[in-house]
Amino acid sequence: MIPIPGTPASDQLQQIAQWGPATRVLNRLQVMLTDYEVPFTFVREHGQPRLLIGERLTVWTGYSAEVIYWGPELGRPAKLISSCDLADVARRIAEQARAASAA
């Protein structure tokens, strides 16, 4: 059922829909991180999808999902790389996650 426009449910659906490309890229990245045995949690904040890896690493992207960012949290300096090569992105994030868990 499609919610009535202007309702909170409609607003929430619109937020989720606008993040569609980002959600698809992060879902593919989740599969690759699982191959590296990196535990994560998928969350949404104001519609924006993110992956939380432990307590020290957050992975996110913009609406168009052209670039993947990862760092301590949104709004703080982060590493970034094009999302064209998700295998490389997953490898780099897995390396950082391992290093963070060893510290």
PDB file of N, CA and C in Angstrom:
ATOM      1  N   MET A   1       0.838  -1.168   0.000  1.00  0.00           N
ATOM      2  CA  MET A   1       0.000   0.000   0.000  1.00  0.00           C
ATOM      3  C   MET A   1       0.889   1.239   0.000  1.00  0.00           C
ATOM      4  N   ILE A   2       0.601   2.180  -0.847  1.00  0.00           N
ATOM      5  CA  ILE A   2       1.359   3.420  -0.933  1.00  0.00           C
ATOM      6  C   ILE A   2       0.751   4.420   0.052  1.00  0.00           C
ATOM      7  N   PRO A   3       1.610   5.015   0.899  1.00  0.00           N
ATOM      8  CA  PRO A   3       1.073   5.958   1.885  1.00  0.00           C
ATOM      9  C   PRO A   3       0.579   7.256   1.232  1.00  0.00           C
ATOM     10  N   ILE A   4      -0.298   7.920   1.920  1.00  0.00           N
ATOM     11  CA  ILE A   4      -0.865   9.190   1.462  1.00  0.00           C
ATOM     12  C   ILE A   4       0.242  10.249   1.486  1.00  0.00           C
ATOM     13  N   PRO A   5       0.405  11.020   0.393  1.00  0.00           N
ATOM     14  CA  PRO A   5       1.434  12.068   0.368  1.00  0.00           C
ATOM     15  C   PRO A   5       1.269  13.042   1.532  1.00  0.00           C
ATOM     16  N   GLY A   6       2.422  13.476   2.060  1.00  0.00           N
ATOM     17  CA  GLY A   6       2.422  14.437   3.164  1.00  0.00           C
ATOM     18  C   GLY A   6       2.360  13.806   4.538  1.00  0.00           C
ATOM     19  N   THR A   7       2.214  12.489   4.606  1.00  0.00           N
ATOM     20  CA  THR A   7       2.191  11.805   5.898  1.00  0.00           C
ATOM     21  C   THR A   7       3.608  11.395   6.284  1.00  0.00           C
ATOM     22  N   PRO A   8       3.844  11.118   7.564  1.00  0.00           N
ATOM     23  CA  PRO A   8       5.175  10.651   7.974  1.00  0.00           C
ATOM     24  C   PRO A   8       5.610   9.390   7.214  1.00  0.00           C
ATOM     25  N   ALA A   9       4.676   8.482   6.962  1.00  0.00           N
ATOM     26  CA  ALA A   9       5.022   7.260   6.221  1.00  0.00           C
ATOM     27  C   ALA A   9       5.453   7.590   4.797  1.00  0.00           C
ATOM     28  N   SER A  10       4.785   8.538   4.170  1.00  0.00           N
ATOM     29  CA  SER A  10       5.146   8.966   2.822  1.00  0.00           C
ATOM     30  C   SER A  10       6.525   9.617   2.813  1.00  0.00           C
ATOM     31  N   ASP A  11       6.801  10.454   3.799  1.00  0.00           N
ATOM     32  CA  ASP A  11       8.105  11.115   3.897  1.00  0.00           C
ATOM     33  C   ASP A  11       9.223  10.083   4.087  1.00  0.00           C
ATOM     34  N   GLN A  12       8.964   9.079   4.925  1.00  0.00           N
ATOM     35  CA  GLN A  12       9.957   8.033   5.167  1.00  0.00           C
ATOM     36  C   GLN A  12      10.210   7.230   3.892  1.00  0.00           C
ATOM     37  N   LEU A  13       9.159   6.892   3.175  1.00  0.00           N
ATOM     38  CA  LEU A  13       9.299   6.155   1.919  1.00  0.00           C
ATOM     39  C   LEU A  13      10.106   6.963   0.900  1.00  0.00           C
ATOM     40  N   GLN A  14       9.856   8.260   0.836  1.00  0.00           N
ATOM     41  CA  GLN A  14      10.595   9.117  -0.093  1.00  0.00           C
ATOM     42  C   GLN A  14      12.077   9.166   0.273  1.00  0.00           C
ATOM     43  N   GLN A  15      12.394   9.264   1.554  1.00  0.00           N
ATOM     44  CA  GLN A  15      13.795   9.267   1.983  1.00  0.00           C
ATOM     45  C   GLN A  15      14.483   7.975   1.585  1.00  0.00           C
ATOM     46  N   ILE A  16      13.831   6.856   1.812  1.00  0.00           N
ATOM     47  CA  ILE A  16      14.419   5.560   1.470  1.00  0.00           C
ATOM     48  C   ILE A  16      14.599   5.435  -0.035  1.00  0.00           C
ATOM     49  N   ALA A  17      13.618   5.877  -0.804  1.00  0.00           N
ATOM     50  CA  ALA A  17      13.691   5.761  -2.257  1.00  0.00           C
ATOM     51  C   ALA A  17      14.831   6.586  -2.844  1.00  0.00           C
ATOM     52  N   GLN A  18      15.057   7.779  -2.309  1.00  0.00           N
ATOM     53  CA  GLN A  18      16.118   8.622  -2.861  1.00  0.00           C
ATOM     54  C   GLN A  18      17.504   8.044  -2.587  1.00  0.00           C
ATOM     55  N   TRP A  19      17.612   7.162  -1.602  1.00  0.00           N
ATOM     56  CA  TRP A  19      18.881   6.523  -1.277  1.00  0.00           C
ATOM     57  C   TRP A  19      19.036   5.175  -1.972  1.00  0.00           C
ATOM     58  N   GLY A  20      18.185   4.863  -2.953  1.00  0.00           N
ATOM     59  CA  GLY A  20      18.215   3.569  -3.636  1.00  0.00           C
ATOM     60  C   GLY A  20      19.580   3.161  -4.172  1.00  0.00           C
ATOM     61  N   PRO A  21      20.262   4.002  -4.982  1.00  0.00           N
ATOM     62  CA  PRO A  21      21.576   3.602  -5.489  1.00  0.00           C
ATOM     63  C   PRO A  21      22.590   3.339  -4.372  1.00  0.00           C
ATOM     64  N   ALA A  22      22.564   4.154  -3.332  1.00  0.00           N
ATOM     65  CA  ALA A  22      23.483   3.960  -2.217  1.00  0.00           C
ATOM     66  C   ALA A  22      23.203   2.639  -1.508  1.00  0.00           C
ATOM     67  N   THR A  23      21.935   2.328  -1.323  1.00  0.00           N
ATOM     68  CA  THR A  23      21.562   1.074  -0.660  1.00  0.00           C
ATOM     69  C   THR A  23      22.030  -0.121  -1.470  1.00  0.00           C
ATOM     70  N   ARG A  24      21.847  -0.073  -2.788  1.00  0.00           N
ATOM     71  CA  ARG A  24      22.276  -1.194  -3.636  1.00  0.00           C
ATOM     72  C   ARG A  24      23.789  -1.404  -3.570  1.00  0.00           C
ATOM     73  N   VAL A  25      24.560  -0.319  -3.620  1.00  0.00           N
ATOM     74  CA  VAL A  25      26.020  -0.443  -3.557  1.00  0.00           C
ATOM     75  C   VAL A  25      26.449  -0.978  -2.195  1.00  0.00           C
ATOM     76  N   LEU A  26      25.867  -0.458  -1.125  1.00  0.00           N
ATOM     77  CA  LEU A  26      26.240  -0.940   0.207  1.00  0.00           C
ATOM     78  C   LEU A  26      25.816  -2.392   0.412  1.00  0.00           C
ATOM     79  N   ASN A  27      24.715  -2.807  -0.186  1.00  0.00           N
ATOM     80  CA  ASN A  27      24.319  -4.222  -0.102  1.00  0.00           C
ATOM     81  C   ASN A  27      25.348  -5.117  -0.785  1.00  0.00           C
ATOM     82  N   ARG A  28      25.831  -4.692  -1.956  1.00  0.00           N
ATOM     83  CA  ARG A  28      26.869  -5.481  -2.646  1.00  0.00           C
ATOM     84  C   ARG A  28      28.152  -5.500  -1.831  1.00  0.00           C
ATOM     85  N   LEU A  29      28.483  -4.364  -1.219  1.00  0.00           N
ATOM     86  CA  LEU A  29      29.677  -4.293  -0.377  1.00  0.00           C
ATOM     87  C   LEU A  29      29.541  -5.205   0.841  1.00  0.00           C
ATOM     88  N   GLN A  30      28.334  -5.307   1.397  1.00  0.00           N
ATOM     89  CA  GLN A  30      28.102  -6.202   2.536  1.00  0.00           C
ATOM     90  C   GLN A  30      28.482  -7.634   2.193  1.00  0.00           C
ATOM     91  N   VAL A  31      28.080  -8.082   1.003  1.00  0.00           N
ATOM     92  CA  VAL A  31      28.394  -9.448   0.573  1.00  0.00           C
ATOM     93  C   VAL A  31      29.901  -9.648   0.544  1.00  0.00           C
ATOM     94  N   MET A  32      30.613  -8.679  -0.009  1.00  0.00           N
ATOM     95  CA  MET A  32      32.073  -8.795  -0.101  1.00  0.00           C
ATOM     96  C   MET A  32      32.732  -8.753   1.274  1.00  0.00           C
ATOM     97  N   LEU A  33      32.223  -7.906   2.172  1.00  0.00           N
ATOM     98  CA  LEU A  33      32.788  -7.855   3.521  1.00  0.00           C
ATOM     99  C   LEU A  33      32.531  -9.150   4.277  1.00  0.00           C
ATOM    100  N   THR A  34      31.414  -9.797   3.983  1.00  0.00           N
ATOM    101  CA  THR A  34      31.130 -11.101   4.591  1.00  0.00           C
ATOM    102  C   THR A  34      32.183 -12.118   4.157  1.00  0.00           C
ATOM    103  N   ASP A  35      32.610 -12.040   2.889  1.00  0.00           N
ATOM    104  CA  ASP A  35      33.667 -12.934   2.405  1.00  0.00           C
ATOM    105  C   ASP A  35      34.963 -12.725   3.170  1.00  0.00           C
ATOM    106  N   TYR A  36      35.219 -11.497   3.626  1.00  0.00           N
ATOM    107  CA  TYR A  36      36.404 -11.184   4.428  1.00  0.00           C
ATOM    108  C   TYR A  36      36.166 -11.425   5.920  1.00  0.00           C
ATOM    109  N   GLU A  37      34.974 -11.910   6.261  1.00  0.00           N
ATOM    110  CA  GLU A  37      34.586 -12.183   7.647  1.00  0.00           C
ATOM    111  C   GLU A  37      34.635 -10.920   8.510  1.00  0.00           C
ATOM    112  N   VAL A  38      34.224  -9.810   7.922  1.00  0.00           N
ATOM    113  CA  VAL A  38      34.149  -8.538   8.648  1.00  0.00           C
ATOM    114  C   VAL A  38      32.715  -8.380   9.150  1.00  0.00           C
ATOM    115  N   PRO A  39      32.520  -8.344  10.467  1.00  0.00           N
ATOM    116  CA  PRO A  39      31.157  -8.163  11.001  1.00  0.00           C
ATOM    117  C   PRO A  39      30.711  -6.706  10.850  1.00  0.00           C
ATOM    118  N   PHE A  40      29.445  -6.504  10.542  1.00  0.00           N
ATOM    119  CA  PHE A  40      28.920  -5.166  10.331  1.00  0.00           C
ATOM    120  C   PHE A  40      27.456  -5.127  10.719  1.00  0.00           C
ATOM    121  N   THR A  41      26.949  -3.930  10.854  1.00  0.00           N
ATOM    122  CA  THR A  41      25.527  -3.695  11.088  1.00  0.00           C
ATOM    123  C   THR A  41      25.065  -2.673  10.058  1.00  0.00           C
ATOM    124  N   PHE A  42      23.947  -2.966   9.391  1.00  0.00           N
ATOM    125  CA  PHE A  42      23.366  -2.040   8.421  1.00  0.00           C
ATOM    126  C   PHE A  42      22.373  -1.160   9.164  1.00  0.00           C
ATOM    127  N   VAL A  43      22.536   0.167   9.062  1.00  0.00           N
ATOM    128  CA  VAL A  43      21.624   1.106   9.729  1.00  0.00           C
ATOM    129  C   VAL A  43      21.215   2.204   8.755  1.00  0.00           C
ATOM    130  N   ARG A  44      20.145   2.889   9.092  1.00  0.00           N
ATOM    131  CA  ARG A  44      19.702   4.080   8.354  1.00  0.00           C
ATOM    132  C   ARG A  44      19.519   5.215   9.353  1.00  0.00           C
ATOM    133  N   GLU A  45      19.992   6.381   8.962  1.00  0.00           N
ATOM    134  CA  GLU A  45      19.777   7.569   9.775  1.00  0.00           C
ATOM    135  C   GLU A  45      19.223   8.645   8.852  1.00  0.00           C
ATOM    136  N   HIS A  46      17.983   9.051   9.073  1.00  0.00           N
ATOM    137  CA  HIS A  46      17.283   9.994   8.194  1.00  0.00           C
ATOM    138  C   HIS A  46      17.255   9.476   6.755  1.00  0.00           C
ATOM    139  N   GLY A  47      17.118   8.177   6.623  1.00  0.00           N
ATOM    140  CA  GLY A  47      17.050   7.549   5.307  1.00  0.00           C
ATOM    141  C   GLY A  47      18.390   7.130   4.752  1.00  0.00           C
ATOM    142  N   GLN A  48      19.478   7.753   5.193  1.00  0.00           N
ATOM    143  CA  GLN A  48      20.798   7.438   4.643  1.00  0.00           C
ATOM    144  C   GLN A  48      21.311   6.107   5.185  1.00  0.00           C
ATOM    145  N   PRO A  49      21.641   5.168   4.281  1.00  0.00           N
ATOM    146  CA  PRO A  49      22.171   3.886   4.731  1.00  0.00           C
ATOM    147  C   PRO A  49      23.652   3.991   5.093  1.00  0.00           C
ATOM    148  N   ARG A  50      24.044   3.212   6.095  1.00  0.00           N
ATOM    149  CA  ARG A  50      25.444   3.140   6.521  1.00  0.00           C
ATOM    150  C   ARG A  50      25.736   1.732   6.998  1.00  0.00           C
ATOM    151  N   LEU A  51      26.993   1.374   6.963  1.00  0.00           N
ATOM    152  CA  LEU A  51      27.458   0.137   7.576  1.00  0.00           C
ATOM    153  C   LEU A  51      28.298   0.521   8.784  1.00  0.00           C
ATOM    154  N   LEU A  52      28.006  -0.063   9.914  1.00  0.00           N
ATOM    155  CA  LEU A  52      28.808   0.142  11.120  1.00  0.00           C
ATOM    156  C   LEU A  52      29.662  -1.102  11.308  1.00  0.00           C
ATOM    157  N   ILE A  53      30.956  -0.887  11.402  1.00  0.00           N
ATOM    158  CA  ILE A  53      31.891  -1.998  11.586  1.00  0.00           C
ATOM    159  C   ILE A  53      32.573  -1.781  12.925  1.00  0.00           C
ATOM    160  N   GLY A  54      32.186  -2.600  13.881  1.00  0.00           N
ATOM    161  CA  GLY A  54      32.700  -2.407  15.231  1.00  0.00           C
ATOM    162  C   GLY A  54      32.280  -1.046  15.756  1.00  0.00           C
ATOM    163  N   GLU A  55      33.098  -0.512  16.649  1.00  0.00           N
ATOM    164  CA  GLU A  55      32.802   0.796  17.233  1.00  0.00           C
ATOM    165  C   GLU A  55      33.637   1.902  16.616  1.00  0.00           C
ATOM    166  N   ARG A  56      34.531   1.538  15.696  1.00  0.00           N
ATOM    167  CA  ARG A  56      35.490   2.520  15.203  1.00  0.00           C
ATOM    168  C   ARG A  56      35.382   2.863  13.724  1.00  0.00           C
ATOM    169  N   LEU A  57      34.469   2.213  13.003  1.00  0.00           N
ATOM    170  CA  LEU A  57      34.450   2.412  11.564  1.00  0.00           C
ATOM    171  C   LEU A  57      33.024   2.486  11.041  1.00  0.00           C
ATOM    172  N   THR A  58      32.756   3.508  10.221  1.00  0.00           N
ATOM    173  CA  THR A  58      31.467   3.694   9.570  1.00  0.00           C
ATOM    174  C   THR A  58      31.717   3.799   8.072  1.00  0.00           C
ATOM    175  N   VAL A  59      30.875   3.144   7.268  1.00  0.00           N
ATOM    176  CA  VAL A  59      30.992   3.171   5.810  1.00  0.00           C
ATOM    177  C   VAL A  59      29.711   3.790   5.261  1.00  0.00           C
ATOM    178  N   TRP A  60      29.848   4.759   4.346  1.00  0.00           N
ATOM    179  CA  TRP A  60      28.674   5.401   3.766  1.00  0.00           C
ATOM    180  C   TRP A  60      28.980   5.865   2.358  1.00  0.00           C
ATOM    181  N   THR A  61      27.976   6.366   1.682  1.00  0.00           N
ATOM    182  CA  THR A  61      28.107   6.906   0.336  1.00  0.00           C
ATOM    183  C   THR A  61      27.053   7.993   0.144  1.00  0.00           C
ATOM    184  N   GLY A  62      27.147   8.725  -0.949  1.00  0.00           N
ATOM    185  CA  GLY A  62      26.160   9.746  -1.258  1.00  0.00           C
ATOM    186  C   GLY A  62      24.983   9.139  -2.009  1.00  0.00           C
ATOM    187  N   TYR A  63      24.044   9.991  -2.409  1.00  0.00           N
ATOM    188  CA  TYR A  63      22.850   9.524  -3.129  1.00  0.00           C
ATOM    189  C   TYR A  63      23.195   8.697  -4.359  1.00  0.00           C
ATOM    190  N   SER A  64      24.166   9.161  -5.143  1.00  0.00           N
ATOM    191  CA  SER A  64      24.478   8.496  -6.408  1.00  0.00           C
ATOM    192  C   SER A  64      25.399   7.300  -6.244  1.00  0.00           C
ATOM    193  N   ALA A  65      25.988   7.129  -5.087  1.00  0.00           N
ATOM    194  CA  ALA A  65      26.851   5.990  -4.766  1.00  0.00           C
ATOM    195  C   ALA A  65      28.087   5.910  -5.648  1.00  0.00           C
ATOM    196  N   GLU A  66      28.566   7.039  -6.137  1.00  0.00           N
ATOM    197  CA  GLU A  66      29.761   7.036  -6.975  1.00  0.00           C
ATOM    198  C   GLU A  66      31.041   6.897  -6.164  1.00  0.00           C
ATOM    199  N   VAL A  67      30.990   7.307  -4.897  1.00  0.00           N
ATOM    200  CA  VAL A  67      32.158   7.267  -4.023  1.00  0.00           C
ATOM    201  C   VAL A  67      31.760   6.604  -2.711  1.00  0.00           C
ATOM    202  N   ILE A  68      32.640   5.756  -2.197  1.00  0.00           N
ATOM    203  CA  ILE A  68      32.450   5.123  -0.887  1.00  0.00           C
ATOM    204  C   ILE A  68      33.368   5.837   0.097  1.00  0.00           C
ATOM    205  N   TYR A  69      32.827   6.192   1.253  1.00  0.00           N
ATOM    206  CA  TYR A  69      33.593   6.830   2.321  1.00  0.00           C
ATOM    207  C   TYR A  69      33.641   5.890   3.512  1.00  0.00           C
ATOM    208  N   TRP A  70      34.746   5.914   4.247  1.00  0.00           N
ATOM    209  CA  TRP A  70      34.787   5.186   5.506  1.00  0.00           C
ATOM    210  C   TRP A  70      35.706   5.913   6.475  1.00  0.00           C
ATOM    211  N   GLY A  71      35.275   5.931   7.716  1.00  0.00           N
ATOM    212  CA  GLY A  71      36.007   6.621   8.759  1.00  0.00           C
ATOM    213  C   GLY A  71      35.309   6.425  10.091  1.00  0.00           C
ATOM    214  N   PRO A  72      35.708   7.203  11.092  1.00  0.00           N
ATOM    215  CA  PRO A  72      35.140   7.014  12.423  1.00  0.00           C
ATOM    216  C   PRO A  72      33.649   7.298  12.496  1.00  0.00           C
ATOM    217  N   GLU A  73      33.173   8.301  11.755  1.00  0.00           N
ATOM    218  CA  GLU A  73      31.741   8.620  11.766  1.00  0.00           C
ATOM    219  C   GLU A  73      31.446   9.662  10.698  1.00  0.00           C
ATOM    220  N   LEU A  74      30.171   9.801  10.362  1.00  0.00           N
ATOM    221  CA  LEU A  74      29.754  10.813   9.395  1.00  0.00           C
ATOM    222  C   LEU A  74      30.188  12.191   9.866  1.00  0.00           C
ATOM    223  N   GLY A  75      30.629  13.020   8.933  1.00  0.00           N
ATOM    224  CA  GLY A  75      30.985  14.383   9.283  1.00  0.00           C
ATOM    225  C   GLY A  75      32.417  14.564   9.745  1.00  0.00           C
ATOM    226  N   ARG A  76      33.144  13.474   9.909  1.00  0.00           N
ATOM    227  CA  ARG A  76      34.553  13.556  10.292  1.00  0.00           C
ATOM    228  C   ARG A  76      35.394  13.176   9.094  1.00  0.00           C
ATOM    229  N   PRO A  77      36.667  13.554   9.069  1.00  0.00           N
ATOM    230  CA  PRO A  77      37.514  13.193   7.933  1.00  0.00           C
ATOM    231  C   PRO A  77      37.468  11.685   7.664  1.00  0.00           C
ATOM    232  N   ALA A  78      37.404  11.357   6.382  1.00  0.00           N
ATOM    233  CA  ALA A  78      37.246   9.956   6.004  1.00  0.00           C
ATOM    234  C   ALA A  78      38.097   9.624   4.794  1.00  0.00           C
ATOM    235  N   LYS A  79      38.371   8.343   4.636  1.00  0.00           N
ATOM    236  CA  LYS A  79      39.011   7.861   3.419  1.00  0.00           C
ATOM    237  C   LYS A  79      37.915   7.723   2.374  1.00  0.00           C
ATOM    238  N   LEU A  80      38.303   7.815   1.109  1.00  0.00           N
ATOM    239  CA  LEU A  80      37.303   7.661   0.060  1.00  0.00           C
ATOM    240  C   LEU A  80      37.922   7.012  -1.158  1.00  0.00           C
ATOM    241  N   ILE A  81      37.052   6.356  -1.932  1.00  0.00           N
ATOM    242  CA  ILE A  81      37.483   5.686  -3.149  1.00  0.00           C
ATOM    243  C   ILE A  81      36.260   5.547  -4.052  1.00  0.00           C
ATOM    244  N   SER A  82      36.497   5.492  -5.338  1.00  0.00           N
ATOM    245  CA  SER A  82      35.404   5.291  -6.289  1.00  0.00           C
ATOM    246  C   SER A  82      34.738   3.953  -6.030  1.00  0.00           C
ATOM    247  N   SER A  83      33.437   3.900  -6.208  1.00  0.00           N
ATOM    248  CA  SER A  83      32.711   2.645  -5.995  1.00  0.00           C
ATOM    249  C   SER A  83      32.775   1.729  -7.217  1.00  0.00           C
ATOM    250  N   CYS A  84      33.531   2.130  -8.243  1.00  0.00           N
ATOM    251  CA  CYS A  84      33.632   1.303  -9.461  1.00  0.00           C
ATOM    252  C   CYS A  84      34.255  -0.056  -9.184  1.00  0.00           C
ATOM    253  N   ASP A  85      35.200  -0.118  -8.253  1.00  0.00           N
ATOM    254  CA  ASP A  85      35.871  -1.376  -7.941  1.00  0.00           C
ATOM    255  C   ASP A  85      35.552  -1.769  -6.498  1.00  0.00           C
ATOM    256  N   LEU A  86      34.373  -2.343  -6.312  1.00  0.00           N
ATOM    257  CA  LEU A  86      33.942  -2.692  -4.948  1.00  0.00           C
ATOM    258  C   LEU A  86      34.837  -3.737  -4.298  1.00  0.00           C
ATOM    259  N   ALA A  87      35.468  -4.591  -5.093  1.00  0.00           N
ATOM    260  CA  ALA A  87      36.369  -5.591  -4.517  1.00  0.00           C
ATOM    261  C   ALA A  87      37.537  -4.896  -3.817  1.00  0.00           C
ATOM    262  N   ASP A  88      38.082  -3.860  -4.436  1.00  0.00           N
ATOM    263  CA  ASP A  88      39.171  -3.102  -3.824  1.00  0.00           C
ATOM    264  C   ASP A  88      38.682  -2.347  -2.593  1.00  0.00           C
ATOM    265  N   VAL A  89      37.491  -1.782  -2.675  1.00  0.00           N
ATOM    266  CA  VAL A  89      36.904  -1.086  -1.530  1.00  0.00           C
ATOM    267  C   VAL A  89      36.764  -2.055  -0.354  1.00  0.00           C
ATOM    268  N   ALA A  90      36.216  -3.238  -0.609  1.00  0.00           N
ATOM    269  CA  ALA A  90      36.025  -4.237   0.454  1.00  0.00           C
ATOM    270  C   ALA A  90      37.362  -4.643   1.063  1.00  0.00           C
ATOM    271  N   ARG A  91      38.370  -4.854   0.225  1.00  0.00           N
ATOM    272  CA  ARG A  91      39.697  -5.254   0.719  1.00  0.00           C
ATOM    273  C   ARG A  91      40.272  -4.171   1.630  1.00  0.00           C
ATOM    274  N   ARG A  92      40.197  -2.917   1.197  1.00  0.00           N
ATOM    275  CA  ARG A  92      40.747  -1.818   2.004  1.00  0.00           C
ATOM    276  C   ARG A  92      40.015  -1.660   3.327  1.00  0.00           C
ATOM    277  N   ILE A  93      38.693  -1.754   3.284  1.00  0.00           N
ATOM    278  CA  ILE A  93      37.911  -1.629   4.518  1.00  0.00           C
ATOM    279  C   ILE A  93      38.207  -2.802   5.449  1.00  0.00           C
ATOM    280  N   ALA A  94      38.321  -3.999   4.890  1.00  0.00           N
ATOM    281  CA  ALA A  94      38.638  -5.181   5.707  1.00  0.00           C
ATOM    282  C   ALA A  94      40.004  -5.030   6.371  1.00  0.00           C
ATOM    283  N   GLU A  95      40.986  -4.521   5.636  1.00  0.00           N
ATOM    284  CA  GLU A  95      42.316  -4.300   6.213  1.00  0.00           C
ATOM    285  C   GLU A  95      42.244  -3.313   7.363  1.00  0.00           C
ATOM    286  N   GLN A  96      41.511  -2.228   7.172  1.00  0.00           N
ATOM    287  CA  GLN A  96      41.398  -1.236   8.245  1.00  0.00           C
ATOM    288  C   GLN A  96      40.626  -1.789   9.433  1.00  0.00           C
ATOM    289  N   ALA A  97      39.583  -2.564   9.173  1.00  0.00           N
ATOM    290  CA  ALA A  97      38.793  -3.147  10.266  1.00  0.00           C
ATOM    291  C   ALA A  97      39.649  -4.109  11.082  1.00  0.00           C
ATOM    292  N   ARG A  98      40.459  -4.905  10.407  1.00  0.00           N
ATOM    293  CA  ARG A  98      41.363  -5.826  11.128  1.00  0.00           C
ATOM    294  C   ARG A  98      42.362  -5.070  11.966  1.00  0.00           C
ATOM    295  N   ALA A  99      42.944  -4.008  11.390  1.00  0.00           N
ATOM    296  CA  ALA A  99      43.922  -3.203  12.119  1.00  0.00           C
ATOM    297  C   ALA A  99      43.275  -2.549  13.340  1.00  0.00           C
ATOM    298  N   ALA A 100      42.055  -2.068  13.186  1.00  0.00           N
ATOM    299  CA  ALA A 100      41.357  -1.416  14.308  1.00  0.00           C
ATOM    300  C   ALA A 100      41.029  -2.419  15.411  1.00  0.00           C
ATOM    301  N   SER A 101      40.656  -3.642  15.025  1.00  0.00           N
ATOM    302  CA  SER A 101      40.316  -4.632  16.046  1.00  0.00           C
ATOM    303  C   SER A 101      41.554  -5.153  16.754  1.00  0.00           C
ATOM    304  N   ALA A 102      42.719  -5.079  16.104  1.00  0.00           N
ATOM    305  CA  ALA A 102      43.957  -5.534  16.721  1.00  0.00           C
ATOM    306  C   ALA A 102      44.523  -4.493  17.685  1.00  0.00           C
ATOM    307  N   ALA A 103      44.103  -3.242  17.494  1.00  0.00           N
ATOM    308  CA  ALA A 103      44.635  -2.149  18.346  1.00  0.00           C
ATOM    309  C   ALA A 103      44.017  -2.141  19.714  1.00  0.00           C
TER     310      ALA A 103
END
